[in-house]
């Protein structure tokens, strides 16, 4: 019975890590996006 609980815990941890890894890789900024520098002048 203890081995079954251990296997279930390992599966939950592995699944959680895979979900975190997948979500971390899905929000990468493309290489062709350039940052726009702030201007010192205000456009009021």
PDB file of N, CA and C in Angstrom:
ATOM      1  N   UNK A   1       0.829  -1.205   0.000  1.00  0.00           N
ATOM      2  CA  UNK A   1       0.000   0.000   0.000  1.00  0.00           C
ATOM      3  C   UNK A   1       0.868   1.262   0.000  1.00  0.00           C
ATOM      4  N   UNK A   2       1.988   1.209   0.722  1.00  0.00           N
ATOM      5  CA  UNK A   2       2.879   2.361   0.788  1.00  0.00           C
ATOM      6  C   UNK A   2       3.511   2.662  -0.555  1.00  0.00           C
ATOM      7  N   UNK A   3       3.822   1.606  -1.303  1.00  0.00           N
ATOM      8  CA  UNK A   3       4.434   1.790  -2.624  1.00  0.00           C
ATOM      9  C   UNK A   3       3.446   2.471  -3.568  1.00  0.00           C
ATOM     10  N   UNK A   4       2.188   2.112  -3.481  1.00  0.00           N
ATOM     11  CA  UNK A   4       1.160   2.718  -4.331  1.00  0.00           C
ATOM     12  C   UNK A   4       1.025   4.210  -4.038  1.00  0.00           C
ATOM     13  N   UNK A   5       1.030   4.571  -2.772  1.00  0.00           N
ATOM     14  CA  UNK A   5       0.943   5.986  -2.396  1.00  0.00           C
ATOM     15  C   UNK A   5       2.179   6.735  -2.891  1.00  0.00           C
ATOM     16  N   UNK A   6       3.353   6.119  -2.763  1.00  0.00           N
ATOM     17  CA  UNK A   6       4.592   6.740  -3.236  1.00  0.00           C
ATOM     18  C   UNK A   6       4.538   6.975  -4.743  1.00  0.00           C
ATOM     19  N   UNK A   7       4.046   6.012  -5.501  1.00  0.00           N
ATOM     20  CA  UNK A   7       3.944   6.148  -6.957  1.00  0.00           C
ATOM     21  C   UNK A   7       2.977   7.269  -7.330  1.00  0.00           C
ATOM     22  N   UNK A   8       1.863   7.365  -6.622  1.00  0.00           N
ATOM     23  CA  UNK A   8       0.887   8.427  -6.902  1.00  0.00           C
ATOM     24  C   UNK A   8       1.502   9.792  -6.615  1.00  0.00           C
ATOM     25  N   UNK A   9       2.243   9.916  -5.514  1.00  0.00           N
ATOM     26  CA  UNK A   9       2.880  11.190  -5.179  1.00  0.00           C
ATOM     27  C   UNK A   9       3.907  11.564  -6.241  1.00  0.00           C
ATOM     28  N   UNK A  10       4.707  10.608  -6.682  1.00  0.00           N
ATOM     29  CA  UNK A  10       5.713  10.876  -7.714  1.00  0.00           C
ATOM     30  C   UNK A  10       5.040  11.318  -9.013  1.00  0.00           C
ATOM     31  N   UNK A  11       3.937  10.694  -9.375  1.00  0.00           N
ATOM     32  CA  UNK A  11       3.233  11.074 -10.595  1.00  0.00           C
ATOM     33  C   UNK A  11       2.672  12.493 -10.498  1.00  0.00           C
ATOM     34  N   UNK A  12       2.133  12.851  -9.331  1.00  0.00           N
ATOM     35  CA  UNK A  12       1.611  14.211  -9.159  1.00  0.00           C
ATOM     36  C   UNK A  12       2.735  15.240  -9.236  1.00  0.00           C
ATOM     37  N   UNK A  13       3.874  14.960  -8.620  1.00  0.00           N
ATOM     38  CA  UNK A  13       5.000  15.898  -8.662  1.00  0.00           C
ATOM     39  C   UNK A  13       5.520  16.031 -10.090  1.00  0.00           C
ATOM     40  N   UNK A  14       5.673  14.913 -10.789  1.00  0.00           N
ATOM     41  CA  UNK A  14       6.167  14.958 -12.161  1.00  0.00           C
ATOM     42  C   UNK A  14       5.181  15.707 -13.065  1.00  0.00           C
ATOM     43  N   UNK A  15       3.899  15.480 -12.888  1.00  0.00           N
ATOM     44  CA  UNK A  15       2.889  16.187 -13.676  1.00  0.00           C
ATOM     45  C   UNK A  15       2.909  17.677 -13.410  1.00  0.00           C
ATOM     46  N   UNK A  16       3.056  18.063 -12.148  1.00  0.00           N
ATOM     47  CA  UNK A  16       3.134  19.485 -11.803  1.00  0.00           C
ATOM     48  C   UNK A  16       4.349  20.148 -12.409  1.00  0.00           C
ATOM     49  N   UNK A  17       5.488  19.438 -12.377  1.00  0.00           N
ATOM     50  CA  UNK A  17       6.702  20.003 -12.981  1.00  0.00           C
ATOM     51  C   UNK A  17       6.554  20.156 -14.486  1.00  0.00           C
ATOM     52  N   UNK A  18       5.920  19.197 -15.133  1.00  0.00           N
ATOM     53  CA  UNK A  18       5.719  19.298 -16.577  1.00  0.00           C
ATOM     54  C   UNK A  18       4.786  20.454 -16.933  1.00  0.00           C
ATOM     55  N   UNK A  19       3.762  20.663 -16.132  1.00  0.00           N
ATOM     56  CA  UNK A  19       2.844  21.785 -16.379  1.00  0.00           C
ATOM     57  C   UNK A  19       3.568  23.108 -16.202  1.00  0.00           C
ATOM     58  N   UNK A  20       4.395  23.218 -15.142  1.00  0.00           N
ATOM     59  CA  UNK A  20       5.148  24.452 -14.934  1.00  0.00           C
ATOM     60  C   UNK A  20       6.145  24.697 -16.065  1.00  0.00           C
ATOM     61  N   UNK A  21       6.810  23.661 -16.516  1.00  0.00           N
ATOM     62  CA  UNK A  21       7.774  23.807 -17.608  1.00  0.00           C
ATOM     63  C   UNK A  21       7.086  24.223 -18.894  1.00  0.00           C
ATOM     64  N   UNK A  22       5.928  23.642 -19.159  1.00  0.00           N
ATOM     65  CA  UNK A  22       5.187  23.983 -20.375  1.00  0.00           C
ATOM     66  C   UNK A  22       4.710  25.434 -20.333  1.00  0.00           C
ATOM     67  N   UNK A  23       4.206  25.882 -19.182  1.00  0.00           N
ATOM     68  CA  UNK A  23       3.718  27.257 -19.089  1.00  0.00           C
ATOM     69  C   UNK A  23       4.872  28.253 -19.133  1.00  0.00           C
ATOM     70  N   UNK A  24       6.033  27.880 -18.629  1.00  0.00           N
ATOM     71  CA  UNK A  24       7.186  28.786 -18.664  1.00  0.00           C
ATOM     72  C   UNK A  24       7.694  28.938 -20.092  1.00  0.00           C
ATOM     73  N   UNK A  25       7.622  27.915 -20.895  1.00  0.00           N
ATOM     74  CA  UNK A  25       8.120  27.987 -22.270  1.00  0.00           C
ATOM     75  C   UNK A  25       7.132  28.651 -23.214  1.00  0.00           C
ATOM     76  N   UNK A  26       5.871  28.794 -22.822  1.00  0.00           N
ATOM     77  CA  UNK A  26       4.871  29.321 -23.745  1.00  0.00           C
ATOM     78  C   UNK A  26       4.842  30.846 -23.781  1.00  0.00           C
ATOM     79  N   UNK A  27       5.555  31.532 -22.866  1.00  0.00           N
ATOM     80  CA  UNK A  27       5.486  32.991 -22.799  1.00  0.00           C
ATOM     81  C   UNK A  27       6.796  33.642 -23.195  1.00  0.00           C
ATOM     82  N   UNK A  28       7.497  33.062 -24.142  1.00  0.00           N
ATOM     83  CA  UNK A  28       8.752  33.656 -24.586  1.00  0.00           C
ATOM     84  C   UNK A  28       8.482  34.737 -25.629  1.00  0.00           C
ATOM     85  N   UNK A  29       9.257  35.804 -25.555  1.00  0.00           N
ATOM     86  CA  UNK A  29       9.119  36.906 -26.507  1.00  0.00           C
ATOM     87  C   UNK A  29       9.865  36.530 -27.785  1.00  0.00           C
ATOM     88  N   UNK A  30       9.253  36.706 -28.943  1.00  0.00           N
ATOM     89  CA  UNK A  30       9.942  36.381 -30.197  1.00  0.00           C
ATOM     90  C   UNK A  30      11.202  37.220 -30.380  1.00  0.00           C
ATOM     91  N   UNK A  31      12.153  36.698 -31.152  1.00  0.00           N
ATOM     92  CA  UNK A  31      13.429  37.378 -31.355  1.00  0.00           C
ATOM     93  C   UNK A  31      13.299  38.653 -32.176  1.00  0.00           C
ATOM     94  N   UNK A  32      12.273  38.754 -33.029  1.00  0.00           N
ATOM     95  CA  UNK A  32      12.157  39.921 -33.898  1.00  0.00           C
ATOM     96  C   UNK A  32      11.456  41.103 -33.223  1.00  0.00           C
ATOM     97  N   UNK A  33      11.081  40.982 -31.948  1.00  0.00           N
ATOM     98  CA  UNK A  33      10.434  42.080 -31.229  1.00  0.00           C
ATOM     99  C   UNK A  33      11.512  42.987 -30.658  1.00  0.00           C
ATOM    100  N   UNK A  34      11.442  44.271 -30.993  1.00  0.00           N
ATOM    101  CA  UNK A  34      12.413  45.246 -30.509  1.00  0.00           C
ATOM    102  C   UNK A  34      11.782  46.097 -29.419  1.00  0.00           C
ATOM    103  N   UNK A  35      12.570  46.463 -28.425  1.00  0.00           N
ATOM    104  CA  UNK A  35      12.056  47.330 -27.374  1.00  0.00           C
ATOM    105  C   UNK A  35      12.029  48.773 -27.859  1.00  0.00           C
ATOM    106  N   UNK A  36      11.049  49.532 -27.407  1.00  0.00           N
ATOM    107  CA  UNK A  36      10.926  50.936 -27.773  1.00  0.00           C
ATOM    108  C   UNK A  36      11.446  51.757 -26.592  1.00  0.00           C
ATOM    109  N   UNK A  37      12.496  52.550 -26.804  1.00  0.00           N
ATOM    110  CA  UNK A  37      13.022  53.342 -25.677  1.00  0.00           C
ATOM    111  C   UNK A  37      12.044  54.449 -25.292  1.00  0.00           C
ATOM    112  N   UNK A  38      12.041  54.756 -24.001  1.00  0.00           N
ATOM    113  CA  UNK A  38      11.202  55.848 -23.521  1.00  0.00           C
ATOM    114  C   UNK A  38      11.806  57.174 -23.964  1.00  0.00           C
ATOM    115  N   UNK A  39      10.937  58.111 -24.328  1.00  0.00           N
ATOM    116  CA  UNK A  39      11.420  59.455 -24.654  1.00  0.00           C
ATOM    117  C   UNK A  39      11.300  60.329 -23.413  1.00  0.00           C
ATOM    118  N   UNK A  40      12.187  61.285 -23.293  1.00  0.00           N
ATOM    119  CA  UNK A  40      12.167  62.168 -22.125  1.00  0.00           C
ATOM    120  C   UNK A  40      11.040  63.181 -22.206  1.00  0.00           C
ATOM    121  N   UNK A  41      10.525  63.423 -23.397  1.00  0.00           N
ATOM    122  CA  UNK A  41       9.457  64.392 -23.571  1.00  0.00           C
ATOM    123  C   UNK A  41       8.119  63.739 -23.343  1.00  0.00           C
ATOM    124  N   UNK A  42       7.229  64.478 -22.704  1.00  0.00           N
ATOM    125  CA  UNK A  42       5.870  63.987 -22.465  1.00  0.00           C
ATOM    126  C   UNK A  42       4.974  64.426 -23.611  1.00  0.00           C
ATOM    127  N   UNK A  43       4.089  63.541 -24.055  1.00  0.00           N
ATOM    128  CA  UNK A  43       3.171  63.884 -25.131  1.00  0.00           C
ATOM    129  C   UNK A  43       1.816  64.240 -24.542  1.00  0.00           C
ATOM    130  N   UNK A  44       1.762  65.369 -23.815  1.00  0.00           N
ATOM    131  CA  UNK A  44       0.494  65.773 -23.189  1.00  0.00           C
ATOM    132  C   UNK A  44      -0.334  66.588 -24.144  1.00  0.00           C
TER     133      UNK A  44
END
